[in-house]
Amino acid sequence: MKKTYILEDLDCAHCAAEIEKAVGRLEGVSSSRMTFLTQKLVVEVEDARADSITKEIKKIVKKLEPDVEVTEK
C-alpha cells in the first residue's frame, strides 16, 4: 500500500534525507521516498502495518524536526 505524507515547514534538505532513511528502516516499509521541494514523503508499506506506520513516522519527524507538521494526504 502506498501512503503519502505532507511535511509542512520542512526547511532542511539534510533532515529530509535523514527522515527518508529512518522511515525506510521501519519494519513493514519496503520503500521510502522524500521529495524536499514538495515536502512529500511517499512510503510503500505492508497493508497490515498501514495504520500503525503513521504514528511511527510522526515520531521520527518530531525527533529530527520538532516544528514540522505531518499530515496524511
PDB file of N, CA and C in Angstrom:
ATOM      1  N   MET A   1       0.848  -1.173   0.000  1.00  0.00           N
ATOM      2  CA  MET A   1       0.000   0.000   0.000  1.00  0.00           C
ATOM      3  C   MET A   1       0.894   1.237   0.000  1.00  0.00           C
ATOM      4  N   LYS A   2       0.529   2.203  -0.838  1.00  0.00           N
ATOM      5  CA  LYS A   2       1.296   3.446  -0.914  1.00  0.00           C
ATOM      6  C   LYS A   2       0.597   4.507  -0.063  1.00  0.00           C
ATOM      7  N   LYS A   3       1.382   5.181   0.769  1.00  0.00           N
ATOM      8  CA  LYS A   3       0.855   6.265   1.603  1.00  0.00           C
ATOM      9  C   LYS A   3       1.700   7.501   1.335  1.00  0.00           C
ATOM     10  N   THR A   4       1.033   8.649   1.284  1.00  0.00           N
ATOM     11  CA  THR A   4       1.717   9.915   1.040  1.00  0.00           C
ATOM     12  C   THR A   4       1.483  10.847   2.221  1.00  0.00           C
ATOM     13  N   TYR A   5       2.557  11.491   2.656  1.00  0.00           N
ATOM     14  CA  TYR A   5       2.501  12.426   3.779  1.00  0.00           C
ATOM     15  C   TYR A   5       3.066  13.769   3.330  1.00  0.00           C
ATOM     16  N   ILE A   6       2.487  14.838   3.852  1.00  0.00           N
ATOM     17  CA  ILE A   6       2.997  16.188   3.631  1.00  0.00           C
ATOM     18  C   ILE A   6       3.712  16.605   4.912  1.00  0.00           C
ATOM     19  N   LEU A   7       4.955  17.066   4.778  1.00  0.00           N
ATOM     20  CA  LEU A   7       5.746  17.520   5.923  1.00  0.00           C
ATOM     21  C   LEU A   7       5.838  19.042   5.845  1.00  0.00           C
ATOM     22  N   GLU A   8       4.857  19.711   6.439  1.00  0.00           N
ATOM     23  CA  GLU A   8       4.770  21.165   6.369  1.00  0.00           C
ATOM     24  C   GLU A   8       5.892  21.830   7.165  1.00  0.00           C
ATOM     25  N   ASP A   9       6.465  22.867   6.569  1.00  0.00           N
ATOM     26  CA  ASP A   9       7.536  23.674   7.172  1.00  0.00           C
ATOM     27  C   ASP A   9       8.875  22.943   7.266  1.00  0.00           C
ATOM     28  N   LEU A  10       9.074  21.929   6.469  1.00  0.00           N
ATOM     29  CA  LEU A  10      10.371  21.253   6.423  1.00  0.00           C
ATOM     30  C   LEU A  10      11.311  22.117   5.588  1.00  0.00           C
ATOM     31  N   ASP A  11      12.364  22.635   6.211  1.00  0.00           N
ATOM     32  CA  ASP A  11      13.258  23.555   5.511  1.00  0.00           C
ATOM     33  C   ASP A  11      14.720  23.133   5.533  1.00  0.00           C
ATOM     34  N   CYS A  12      14.962  21.849   5.780  1.00  0.00           N
ATOM     35  CA  CYS A  12      16.334  21.341   5.875  1.00  0.00           C
ATOM     36  C   CYS A  12      16.472  20.104   4.985  1.00  0.00           C
ATOM     37  N   ALA A  13      17.260  20.234   3.915  1.00  0.00           N
ATOM     38  CA  ALA A  13      17.430  19.120   2.979  1.00  0.00           C
ATOM     39  C   ALA A  13      18.111  17.924   3.651  1.00  0.00           C
ATOM     40  N   HIS A  14      19.061  18.203   4.509  1.00  0.00           N
ATOM     41  CA  HIS A  14      19.746  17.119   5.217  1.00  0.00           C
ATOM     42  C   HIS A  14      18.764  16.361   6.115  1.00  0.00           C
ATOM     43  N   CYS A  15      17.916  17.085   6.811  1.00  0.00           N
ATOM     44  CA  CYS A  15      16.912  16.458   7.676  1.00  0.00           C
ATOM     45  C   CYS A  15      15.926  15.630   6.853  1.00  0.00           C
ATOM     46  N   ALA A  16      15.574  16.123   5.675  1.00  0.00           N
ATOM     47  CA  ALA A  16      14.672  15.375   4.790  1.00  0.00           C
ATOM     48  C   ALA A  16      15.292  14.033   4.411  1.00  0.00           C
ATOM     49  N   ALA A  17      16.592  14.034   4.123  1.00  0.00           N
ATOM     50  CA  ALA A  17      17.290  12.790   3.785  1.00  0.00           C
ATOM     51  C   ALA A  17      17.340  11.856   4.988  1.00  0.00           C
ATOM     52  N   GLU A  18      17.561  12.396   6.165  1.00  0.00           N
ATOM     53  CA  GLU A  18      17.589  11.582   7.379  1.00  0.00           C
ATOM     54  C   GLU A  18      16.215  10.972   7.672  1.00  0.00           C
ATOM     55  N   ILE A  19      15.162  11.740   7.448  1.00  0.00           N
ATOM     56  CA  ILE A  19      13.804  11.232   7.646  1.00  0.00           C
ATOM     57  C   ILE A  19      13.540  10.090   6.671  1.00  0.00           C
ATOM     58  N   GLU A  20      13.919  10.283   5.412  1.00  0.00           N
ATOM     59  CA  GLU A  20      13.729   9.245   4.394  1.00  0.00           C
ATOM     60  C   GLU A  20      14.428   7.946   4.795  1.00  0.00           C
ATOM     61  N   LYS A  21      15.673   8.050   5.257  1.00  0.00           N
ATOM     62  CA  LYS A  21      16.431   6.860   5.675  1.00  0.00           C
ATOM     63  C   LYS A  21      15.787   6.180   6.876  1.00  0.00           C
ATOM     64  N   ALA A  22      15.424   6.958   7.884  1.00  0.00           N
ATOM     65  CA  ALA A  22      14.854   6.398   9.110  1.00  0.00           C
ATOM     66  C   ALA A  22      13.515   5.714   8.838  1.00  0.00           C
ATOM     67  N   VAL A  23      12.677   6.319   8.017  1.00  0.00           N
ATOM     68  CA  VAL A  23      11.385   5.725   7.685  1.00  0.00           C
ATOM     69  C   VAL A  23      11.603   4.443   6.867  1.00  0.00           C
ATOM     70  N   GLY A  24      12.573   4.459   5.989  1.00  0.00           N
ATOM     71  CA  GLY A  24      12.884   3.284   5.177  1.00  0.00           C
ATOM     72  C   GLY A  24      13.330   2.083   5.988  1.00  0.00           C
ATOM     73  N   ARG A  25      13.854   2.327   7.177  1.00  0.00           N
ATOM     74  CA  ARG A  25      14.311   1.233   8.054  1.00  0.00           C
ATOM     75  C   ARG A  25      13.203   0.667   8.935  1.00  0.00           C
ATOM     76  N   LEU A  26      12.021   1.283   8.931  1.00  0.00           N
ATOM     77  CA  LEU A  26      10.918   0.794   9.766  1.00  0.00           C
ATOM     78  C   LEU A  26      10.442  -0.576   9.293  1.00  0.00           C
ATOM     79  N   GLU A  27      10.035  -1.392  10.235  1.00  0.00           N
ATOM     80  CA  GLU A  27       9.513  -2.717   9.912  1.00  0.00           C
ATOM     81  C   GLU A  27       8.235  -2.577   9.089  1.00  0.00           C
ATOM     82  N   GLY A  28       8.174  -3.300   7.984  1.00  0.00           N
ATOM     83  CA  GLY A  28       6.996  -3.275   7.125  1.00  0.00           C
ATOM     84  C   GLY A  28       7.071  -2.272   5.994  1.00  0.00           C
ATOM     85  N   VAL A  29       8.104  -1.418   5.989  1.00  0.00           N
ATOM     86  CA  VAL A  29       8.262  -0.424   4.929  1.00  0.00           C
ATOM     87  C   VAL A  29       9.186  -0.993   3.860  1.00  0.00           C
ATOM     88  N   SER A  30       8.680  -1.058   2.628  1.00  0.00           N
ATOM     89  CA  SER A  30       9.514  -1.582   1.542  1.00  0.00           C
ATOM     90  C   SER A  30      10.239  -0.471   0.789  1.00  0.00           C
ATOM     91  N   SER A  31       9.695   0.749   0.811  1.00  0.00           N
ATOM     92  CA  SER A  31      10.404   1.883   0.217  1.00  0.00           C
ATOM     93  C   SER A  31       9.928   3.189   0.838  1.00  0.00           C
ATOM     94  N   SER A  32      10.833   4.157   0.830  1.00  0.00           N
ATOM     95  CA  SER A  32      10.561   5.474   1.381  1.00  0.00           C
ATOM     96  C   SER A  32      11.210   6.491   0.453  1.00  0.00           C
ATOM     97  N   ARG A  33      10.432   7.465  -0.012  1.00  0.00           N
ATOM     98  CA  ARG A  33      10.955   8.463  -0.944  1.00  0.00           C
ATOM     99  C   ARG A  33      10.498   9.855  -0.496  1.00  0.00           C
ATOM    100  N   MET A  34      11.457  10.686  -0.148  1.00  0.00           N
ATOM    101  CA  MET A  34      11.191  12.041   0.320  1.00  0.00           C
ATOM    102  C   MET A  34      11.565  13.017  -0.789  1.00  0.00           C
ATOM    103  N   THR A  35      10.633  13.908  -1.143  1.00  0.00           N
ATOM    104  CA  THR A  35      10.905  14.963  -2.113  1.00  0.00           C
ATOM    105  C   THR A  35      10.924  16.279  -1.346  1.00  0.00           C
ATOM    106  N   PHE A  36      12.120  16.823  -1.173  1.00  0.00           N
ATOM    107  CA  PHE A  36      12.296  18.010  -0.351  1.00  0.00           C
ATOM    108  C   PHE A  36      11.541  19.222  -0.902  1.00  0.00           C
ATOM    109  N   LEU A  37      11.585  19.430  -2.211  1.00  0.00           N
ATOM    110  CA  LEU A  37      10.954  20.627  -2.798  1.00  0.00           C
ATOM    111  C   LEU A  37       9.448  20.656  -2.604  1.00  0.00           C
ATOM    112  N   THR A  38       8.803  19.502  -2.664  1.00  0.00           N
ATOM    113  CA  THR A  38       7.346  19.459  -2.497  1.00  0.00           C
ATOM    114  C   THR A  38       6.947  19.090  -1.075  1.00  0.00           C
ATOM    115  N   GLN A  39       7.929  18.777  -0.245  1.00  0.00           N
ATOM    116  CA  GLN A  39       7.705  18.384   1.152  1.00  0.00           C
ATOM    117  C   GLN A  39       6.821  17.143   1.262  1.00  0.00           C
ATOM    118  N   LYS A  40       6.970  16.198   0.311  1.00  0.00           N
ATOM    119  CA  LYS A  40       6.167  14.980   0.306  1.00  0.00           C
ATOM    120  C   LYS A  40       7.030  13.768   0.619  1.00  0.00           C
ATOM    121  N   LEU A  41       6.480  12.901   1.446  1.00  0.00           N
ATOM    122  CA  LEU A  41       7.088  11.622   1.768  1.00  0.00           C
ATOM    123  C   LEU A  41       6.142  10.544   1.270  1.00  0.00           C
ATOM    124  N   VAL A  42       6.639   9.690   0.367  1.00  0.00           N
ATOM    125  CA  VAL A  42       5.833   8.596  -0.170  1.00  0.00           C
ATOM    126  C   VAL A  42       6.426   7.292   0.347  1.00  0.00           C
ATOM    127  N   VAL A  43       5.573   6.476   0.955  1.00  0.00           N
ATOM    128  CA  VAL A  43       6.015   5.255   1.616  1.00  0.00           C
ATOM    129  C   VAL A  43       5.229   4.068   1.067  1.00  0.00           C
ATOM    130  N   GLU A  44       5.940   2.990   0.735  1.00  0.00           N
ATOM    131  CA  GLU A  44       5.300   1.719   0.392  1.00  0.00           C
ATOM    132  C   GLU A  44       5.350   0.867   1.654  1.00  0.00           C
ATOM    133  N   VAL A  45       4.183   0.457   2.131  1.00  0.00           N
ATOM    134  CA  VAL A  45       4.110  -0.252   3.407  1.00  0.00           C
ATOM    135  C   VAL A  45       3.192  -1.468   3.273  1.00  0.00           C
ATOM    136  N   GLU A  46       3.492  -2.508   4.055  1.00  0.00           N
ATOM    137  CA  GLU A  46       2.628  -3.686   4.097  1.00  0.00           C
ATOM    138  C   GLU A  46       1.241  -3.270   4.581  1.00  0.00           C
ATOM    139  N   ASP A  47       0.200  -3.845   3.999  1.00  0.00           N
ATOM    140  CA  ASP A  47      -1.170  -3.493   4.377  1.00  0.00           C
ATOM    141  C   ASP A  47      -1.426  -3.667   5.870  1.00  0.00           C
ATOM    142  N   ALA A  48      -0.856  -4.692   6.469  1.00  0.00           N
ATOM    143  CA  ALA A  48      -1.083  -4.964   7.896  1.00  0.00           C
ATOM    144  C   ALA A  48      -0.500  -3.870   8.792  1.00  0.00           C
ATOM    145  N   ARG A  49       0.506  -3.156   8.310  1.00  0.00           N
ATOM    146  CA  ARG A  49       1.168  -2.116   9.107  1.00  0.00           C
ATOM    147  C   ARG A  49       0.707  -0.705   8.739  1.00  0.00           C
ATOM    148  N   ALA A  50      -0.191  -0.593   7.797  1.00  0.00           N
ATOM    149  CA  ALA A  50      -0.573   0.719   7.258  1.00  0.00           C
ATOM    150  C   ALA A  50      -1.087   1.677   8.326  1.00  0.00           C
ATOM    151  N   ASP A  51      -1.880   1.196   9.274  1.00  0.00           N
ATOM    152  CA  ASP A  51      -2.445   2.088  10.287  1.00  0.00           C
ATOM    153  C   ASP A  51      -1.415   2.540  11.318  1.00  0.00           C
ATOM    154  N   SER A  52      -0.562   1.636  11.738  1.00  0.00           N
ATOM    155  CA  SER A  52       0.395   1.980  12.797  1.00  0.00           C
ATOM    156  C   SER A  52       1.612   2.747  12.280  1.00  0.00           C
ATOM    157  N   ILE A  53       1.859   2.689  10.992  1.00  0.00           N
ATOM    158  CA  ILE A  53       3.066   3.314  10.460  1.00  0.00           C
ATOM    159  C   ILE A  53       3.017   4.836  10.571  1.00  0.00           C
ATOM    160  N   THR A  54       1.836   5.426  10.506  1.00  0.00           N
ATOM    161  CA  THR A  54       1.720   6.886  10.597  1.00  0.00           C
ATOM    162  C   THR A  54       2.250   7.400  11.927  1.00  0.00           C
ATOM    163  N   LYS A  55       1.913   6.724  13.018  1.00  0.00           N
ATOM    164  CA  LYS A  55       2.414   7.143  14.336  1.00  0.00           C
ATOM    165  C   LYS A  55       3.935   7.074  14.389  1.00  0.00           C
ATOM    166  N   GLU A  56       4.505   6.021  13.821  1.00  0.00           N
ATOM    167  CA  GLU A  56       5.955   5.861  13.842  1.00  0.00           C
ATOM    168  C   GLU A  56       6.643   6.940  12.998  1.00  0.00           C
ATOM    169  N   ILE A  57       6.053   7.281  11.870  1.00  0.00           N
ATOM    170  CA  ILE A  57       6.614   8.332  11.025  1.00  0.00           C
ATOM    171  C   ILE A  57       6.576   9.674  11.756  1.00  0.00           C
ATOM    172  N   LYS A  58       5.462   9.965  12.420  1.00  0.00           N
ATOM    173  CA  LYS A  58       5.359  11.223  13.177  1.00  0.00           C
ATOM    174  C   LYS A  58       6.406  11.297  14.278  1.00  0.00           C
ATOM    175  N   LYS A  59       6.693  10.182  14.948  1.00  0.00           N
ATOM    176  CA  LYS A  59       7.733  10.157  15.993  1.00  0.00           C
ATOM    177  C   LYS A  59       9.095  10.486  15.403  1.00  0.00           C
ATOM    178  N   ILE A  60       9.405   9.880  14.269  1.00  0.00           N
ATOM    179  CA  ILE A  60      10.698  10.122  13.618  1.00  0.00           C
ATOM    180  C   ILE A  60      10.832  11.592  13.238  1.00  0.00           C
ATOM    181  N   VAL A  61       9.796  12.140  12.627  1.00  0.00           N
ATOM    182  CA  VAL A  61       9.845  13.538  12.188  1.00  0.00           C
ATOM    183  C   VAL A  61       9.979  14.478  13.386  1.00  0.00           C
ATOM    184  N   LYS A  62       9.231  14.235  14.444  1.00  0.00           N
ATOM    185  CA  LYS A  62       9.310  15.098  15.631  1.00  0.00           C
ATOM    186  C   LYS A  62      10.691  15.048  16.270  1.00  0.00           C
ATOM    187  N   LYS A  63      11.326  13.891  16.211  1.00  0.00           N
ATOM    188  CA  LYS A  63      12.662  13.758  16.790  1.00  0.00           C
ATOM    189  C   LYS A  63      13.692  14.558  15.976  1.00  0.00           C
ATOM    190  N   LEU A  64      13.579  14.510  14.648  1.00  0.00           N
ATOM    191  CA  LEU A  64      14.558  15.177  13.789  1.00  0.00           C
ATOM    192  C   LEU A  64      14.224  16.645  13.499  1.00  0.00           C
ATOM    193  N   GLU A  65      12.941  16.945  13.391  1.00  0.00           N
ATOM    194  CA  GLU A  65      12.473  18.303  13.075  1.00  0.00           C
ATOM    195  C   GLU A  65      11.219  18.597  13.894  1.00  0.00           C
ATOM    196  N   PRO A  66      11.361  19.037  15.135  1.00  0.00           N
ATOM    197  CA  PRO A  66      10.212  19.220  16.035  1.00  0.00           C
ATOM    198  C   PRO A  66       9.133  20.183  15.551  1.00  0.00           C
ATOM    199  N   ASP A  67       9.471  21.133  14.674  1.00  0.00           N
ATOM    200  CA  ASP A  67       8.492  22.120  14.237  1.00  0.00           C
ATOM    201  C   ASP A  67       7.707  21.715  12.995  1.00  0.00           C
ATOM    202  N   VAL A  68       8.014  20.559  12.439  1.00  0.00           N
ATOM    203  CA  VAL A  68       7.356  20.106  11.216  1.00  0.00           C
ATOM    204  C   VAL A  68       6.054  19.375  11.551  1.00  0.00           C
ATOM    205  N   GLU A  69       5.001  19.716  10.799  1.00  0.00           N
ATOM    206  CA  GLU A  69       3.702  19.061  10.955  1.00  0.00           C
ATOM    207  C   GLU A  69       3.552  17.993   9.880  1.00  0.00           C
ATOM    208  N   VAL A  70       3.158  16.794  10.280  1.00  0.00           N
ATOM    209  CA  VAL A  70       2.965  15.686   9.360  1.00  0.00           C
ATOM    210  C   VAL A  70       1.480  15.465   9.161  1.00  0.00           C
ATOM    211  N   THR A  71       1.040  15.511   7.906  1.00  0.00           N
ATOM    212  CA  THR A  71      -0.358  15.207   7.588  1.00  0.00           C
ATOM    213  C   THR A  71      -0.400  14.175   6.480  1.00  0.00           C
ATOM    214  N   GLU A  72      -1.350  13.259   6.584  1.00  0.00           N
ATOM    215  CA  GLU A  72      -1.501  12.241   5.559  1.00  0.00           C
ATOM    216  C   GLU A  72      -2.336  12.811   4.425  1.00  0.00           C
ATOM    217  N   LYS A  73      -1.892  12.587   3.226  1.00  0.00           N
ATOM    218  CA  LYS A  73      -2.607  13.112   2.063  1.00  0.00           C
ATOM    219  C   LYS A  73      -3.609  12.105   1.565  1.00  0.00           C
TER     220      LYS A  73
END
